[in-house]
Amino acid sequence: MKTSADLGNKLQEARERKKIKLVDLVDRTGLTAVTLRNVLEGKTDPRLSTIVALAHEVGLELVLLPKEVAQSFEAQTAAPEAVVSLVKRALGQPATHVIKSNVGVGIQKVSSQLGRNVQDPEKEEP
């Protein structure tokens, strides 16, 4: 997270996941409805105490991490899971799940490492 908009999106997603109404969040945090709306929409740079209070109410914890650790979290994508699924498929093992986004990212690498052609799961034959 690098912007107020990113922060607002994370808080909004967590609020929606927990099915907390805006009016209830206003009551729990003591913020005005306008302030809350502006924070969730990323239209303001909230004070730290506001961020902590909102995070607490939506079930999040504010944590400071070294940049390297934070970048590793941000770098995690569906590609490694897709590669694992493709490897399982190439070995004849059932995939636990196939993630359609970024599926093709690792196909060429897996094919060359296994020394054979690996089929794209999105293009399965009937």
C-alpha atoms as a PDB file:
ATOM      1  CA  MET A   1       0.000   0.000   0.000  1.00  0.00           C
ATOM      2  CA  LYS A   2       1.461   3.262  -1.037  1.00  0.00           C
ATOM      3  CA  THR A   3      -1.427   5.695  -1.394  1.00  0.00           C
ATOM      4  CA  SER A   4      -4.467   6.868   0.510  1.00  0.00           C
ATOM      5  CA  ALA A   5      -6.586   5.244  -2.194  1.00  0.00           C
ATOM      6  CA  ASP A   6      -4.865   1.877  -1.576  1.00  0.00           C
ATOM      7  CA  LEU A   7      -5.474   2.227   2.148  1.00  0.00           C
ATOM      8  CA  GLY A   8      -9.103   3.181   1.604  1.00  0.00           C
ATOM      9  CA  ASN A   9      -9.645   0.213  -0.706  1.00  0.00           C
ATOM     10  CA  LYS A  10      -8.198  -2.247   1.825  1.00  0.00           C
ATOM     11  CA  LEU A  11     -10.319  -0.837   4.634  1.00  0.00           C
ATOM     12  CA  GLN A  12     -13.429  -0.838   2.425  1.00  0.00           C
ATOM     13  CA  GLU A  13     -12.841  -4.454   1.322  1.00  0.00           C
ATOM     14  CA  ALA A  14     -12.413  -5.551   4.937  1.00  0.00           C
ATOM     15  CA  ARG A  15     -15.565  -3.657   5.978  1.00  0.00           C
ATOM     16  CA  GLU A  16     -17.573  -5.318   3.236  1.00  0.00           C
ATOM     17  CA  ARG A  17     -16.143  -8.760   4.043  1.00  0.00           C
ATOM     18  CA  LYS A  18     -17.259  -8.371   7.656  1.00  0.00           C
ATOM     19  CA  LYS A  19     -20.591  -6.890   6.514  1.00  0.00           C
ATOM     20  CA  ILE A  20     -20.236  -3.832   8.721  1.00  0.00           C
ATOM     21  CA  LYS A  21     -22.602  -0.994   7.860  1.00  0.00           C
ATOM     22  CA  LEU A  22     -21.138   2.493   7.508  1.00  0.00           C
ATOM     23  CA  VAL A  23     -23.414   3.821  10.234  1.00  0.00           C
ATOM     24  CA  ASP A  24     -22.144   1.127  12.613  1.00  0.00           C
ATOM     25  CA  LEU A  25     -18.544   1.982  11.764  1.00  0.00           C
ATOM     26  CA  VAL A  26     -19.266   5.650  12.486  1.00  0.00           C
ATOM     27  CA  ASP A  27     -20.682   4.663  15.883  1.00  0.00           C
ATOM     28  CA  ARG A  28     -17.785   2.347  16.737  1.00  0.00           C
ATOM     29  CA  THR A  29     -14.991   4.714  15.724  1.00  0.00           C
ATOM     30  CA  GLY A  30     -16.468   8.076  16.674  1.00  0.00           C
ATOM     31  CA  LEU A  31     -15.588   9.455  13.239  1.00  0.00           C
ATOM     32  CA  THR A  32     -18.007  11.602  11.327  1.00  0.00           C
ATOM     33  CA  ALA A  33     -19.729  10.039   8.339  1.00  0.00           C
ATOM     34  CA  VAL A  34     -17.948  12.495   6.035  1.00  0.00           C
ATOM     35  CA  THR A  35     -14.514  11.650   7.441  1.00  0.00           C
ATOM     36  CA  LEU A  36     -15.198   7.934   7.205  1.00  0.00           C
ATOM     37  CA  ARG A  37     -16.435   8.201   3.631  1.00  0.00           C
ATOM     38  CA  ASN A  38     -13.397  10.284   2.625  1.00  0.00           C
ATOM     39  CA  VAL A  39     -10.980   7.770   4.168  1.00  0.00           C
ATOM     40  CA  LEU A  40     -12.666   4.768   2.534  1.00  0.00           C
ATOM     41  CA  GLU A  41     -12.714   6.540  -0.827  1.00  0.00           C
ATOM     42  CA  GLY A  42      -9.052   7.565  -0.506  1.00  0.00           C
ATOM     43  CA  LYS A  43      -9.869  11.262  -0.683  1.00  0.00           C
ATOM     44  CA  THR A  44      -7.954  12.239   2.445  1.00  0.00           C
ATOM     45  CA  ASP A  45      -4.739  11.476   4.285  1.00  0.00           C
ATOM     46  CA  PRO A  46      -6.084  10.240   7.604  1.00  0.00           C
ATOM     47  CA  ARG A  47      -4.294  10.557  10.926  1.00  0.00           C
ATOM     48  CA  LEU A  48      -2.578   7.464  12.252  1.00  0.00           C
ATOM     49  CA  SER A  49      -5.086   7.176  15.093  1.00  0.00           C
ATOM     50  CA  THR A  50      -7.912   7.136  12.529  1.00  0.00           C
ATOM     51  CA  ILE A  51      -6.227   4.376  10.516  1.00  0.00           C
ATOM     52  CA  VAL A  52      -5.619   2.286  13.636  1.00  0.00           C
ATOM     53  CA  ALA A  53      -9.209   2.709  14.837  1.00  0.00           C
ATOM     54  CA  LEU A  54     -10.682   1.781  11.457  1.00  0.00           C
ATOM     55  CA  ALA A  55      -8.334  -1.162  10.982  1.00  0.00           C
ATOM     56  CA  HIS A  56      -9.245  -2.500  14.418  1.00  0.00           C
ATOM     57  CA  GLU A  57     -12.985  -2.275  13.744  1.00  0.00           C
ATOM     58  CA  VAL A  58     -12.767  -4.091  10.393  1.00  0.00           C
ATOM     59  CA  GLY A  59     -10.497  -6.825  11.731  1.00  0.00           C
ATOM     60  CA  LEU A  60      -7.156  -5.637  10.371  1.00  0.00           C
ATOM     61  CA  GLU A  61      -3.885  -4.966  12.147  1.00  0.00           C
ATOM     62  CA  LEU A  62      -1.523  -2.180  11.189  1.00  0.00           C
ATOM     63  CA  VAL A  63       1.965  -3.672  10.849  1.00  0.00           C
ATOM     64  CA  LEU A  64       5.241  -2.107   9.748  1.00  0.00           C
ATOM     65  CA  LEU A  65       7.496  -4.434   7.766  1.00  0.00           C
ATOM     66  CA  PRO A  66      10.933  -4.115   6.210  1.00  0.00           C
ATOM     67  CA  LYS A  67      10.591  -3.183   2.528  1.00  0.00           C
ATOM     68  CA  GLU A  68      11.974  -6.522   1.389  1.00  0.00           C
ATOM     69  CA  VAL A  69       9.290  -8.422   3.287  1.00  0.00           C
ATOM     70  CA  ALA A  70       6.515  -6.115   2.091  1.00  0.00           C
ATOM     71  CA  GLN A  71       7.699  -6.459  -1.514  1.00  0.00           C
ATOM     72  CA  SER A  72       7.619 -10.230  -1.269  1.00  0.00           C
ATOM     73  CA  PHE A  73       3.963 -10.025  -0.206  1.00  0.00           C
ATOM     74  CA  GLU A  74       3.173  -7.703  -3.100  1.00  0.00           C
ATOM     75  CA  ALA A  75       5.046  -9.921  -5.563  1.00  0.00           C
ATOM     76  CA  GLN A  76       2.955 -12.985  -4.757  1.00  0.00           C
ATOM     77  CA  THR A  77       0.676 -13.675  -7.705  1.00  0.00           C
ATOM     78  CA  ALA A  78      -1.309 -16.550  -9.047  1.00  0.00           C
ATOM     79  CA  ALA A  79       1.564 -17.601 -11.311  1.00  0.00           C
ATOM     80  CA  PRO A  80       3.364 -19.847  -8.775  1.00  0.00           C
ATOM     81  CA  GLU A  81       0.112 -21.655  -7.977  1.00  0.00           C
ATOM     82  CA  ALA A  82      -0.618 -22.075 -11.676  1.00  0.00           C
ATOM     83  CA  VAL A  83       2.857 -23.530 -12.213  1.00  0.00           C
ATOM     84  CA  VAL A  84       2.339 -25.999  -9.384  1.00  0.00           C
ATOM     85  CA  SER A  85      -0.969 -27.046 -10.923  1.00  0.00           C
ATOM     86  CA  LEU A  86       0.665 -27.442 -14.327  1.00  0.00           C
ATOM     87  CA  VAL A  87       3.457 -29.563 -12.870  1.00  0.00           C
ATOM     88  CA  LYS A  88       0.921 -31.791 -11.120  1.00  0.00           C
ATOM     89  CA  ARG A  89      -0.958 -32.119 -14.381  1.00  0.00           C
ATOM     90  CA  ALA A  90       2.228 -33.010 -16.307  1.00  0.00           C
ATOM     91  CA  LEU A  91       2.976 -35.699 -13.723  1.00  0.00           C
ATOM     92  CA  GLY A  92      -0.547 -37.047 -13.991  1.00  0.00           C
ATOM     93  CA  GLN A  93      -1.621 -35.840 -10.567  1.00  0.00           C
ATOM     94  CA  PRO A  94      -4.937 -34.052 -10.145  1.00  0.00           C
ATOM     95  CA  ALA A  95      -4.616 -30.322  -9.615  1.00  0.00           C
ATOM     96  CA  THR A  96      -6.213 -29.103  -6.421  1.00  0.00           C
ATOM     97  CA  HIS A  97      -7.263 -25.956  -8.241  1.00  0.00           C
ATOM     98  CA  VAL A  98      -6.374 -24.074 -11.390  1.00  0.00           C
ATOM     99  CA  ILE A  99      -6.217 -20.317 -11.324  1.00  0.00           C
ATOM    100  CA  LYS A 100      -7.237 -18.939 -14.690  1.00  0.00           C
ATOM    101  CA  SER A 101      -5.566 -15.561 -14.365  1.00  0.00           C
ATOM    102  CA  ASN A 102      -1.895 -15.736 -15.266  1.00  0.00           C
ATOM    103  CA  VAL A 103      -2.159 -19.461 -16.088  1.00  0.00           C
ATOM    104  CA  GLY A 104      -0.026 -19.099 -19.185  1.00  0.00           C
ATOM    105  CA  VAL A 105       2.762 -17.303 -17.324  1.00  0.00           C
ATOM    106  CA  GLY A 106       4.680 -20.434 -16.398  1.00  0.00           C
ATOM    107  CA  ILE A 107       3.682 -22.830 -19.181  1.00  0.00           C
ATOM    108  CA  GLN A 108       6.776 -22.302 -21.306  1.00  0.00           C
ATOM    109  CA  LYS A 109       9.124 -22.606 -18.322  1.00  0.00           C
ATOM    110  CA  VAL A 110       7.419 -25.747 -17.020  1.00  0.00           C
ATOM    111  CA  SER A 111       7.408 -27.296 -20.500  1.00  0.00           C
ATOM    112  CA  SER A 112      11.103 -26.704 -20.991  1.00  0.00           C
ATOM    113  CA  GLN A 113      12.012 -27.915 -17.490  1.00  0.00           C
ATOM    114  CA  LEU A 114      10.014 -31.118 -17.916  1.00  0.00           C
ATOM    115  CA  GLY A 115      11.283 -31.616 -21.445  1.00  0.00           C
ATOM    116  CA  ARG A 116       7.799 -32.065 -22.878  1.00  0.00           C
ATOM    117  CA  ASN A 117       4.772 -30.100 -23.938  1.00  0.00           C
ATOM    118  CA  VAL A 118       2.404 -29.042 -21.152  1.00  0.00           C
ATOM    119  CA  GLN A 119      -1.134 -28.189 -22.169  1.00  0.00           C
ATOM    120  CA  ASP A 120      -2.808 -24.968 -21.085  1.00  0.00           C
ATOM    121  CA  PRO A 121      -5.637 -25.987 -18.685  1.00  0.00           C
ATOM    122  CA  GLU A 122      -7.868 -23.309 -20.204  1.00  0.00           C
ATOM    123  CA  LYS A 123      -7.639 -25.123 -23.552  1.00  0.00           C
ATOM    124  CA  GLU A 124      -8.453 -28.636 -22.402  1.00  0.00           C
ATOM    125  CA  GLU A 125      -9.455 -31.118 -25.040  1.00  0.00           C
ATOM    126  CA  PRO A 126     -12.949 -32.665 -24.737  1.00  0.00           C
END
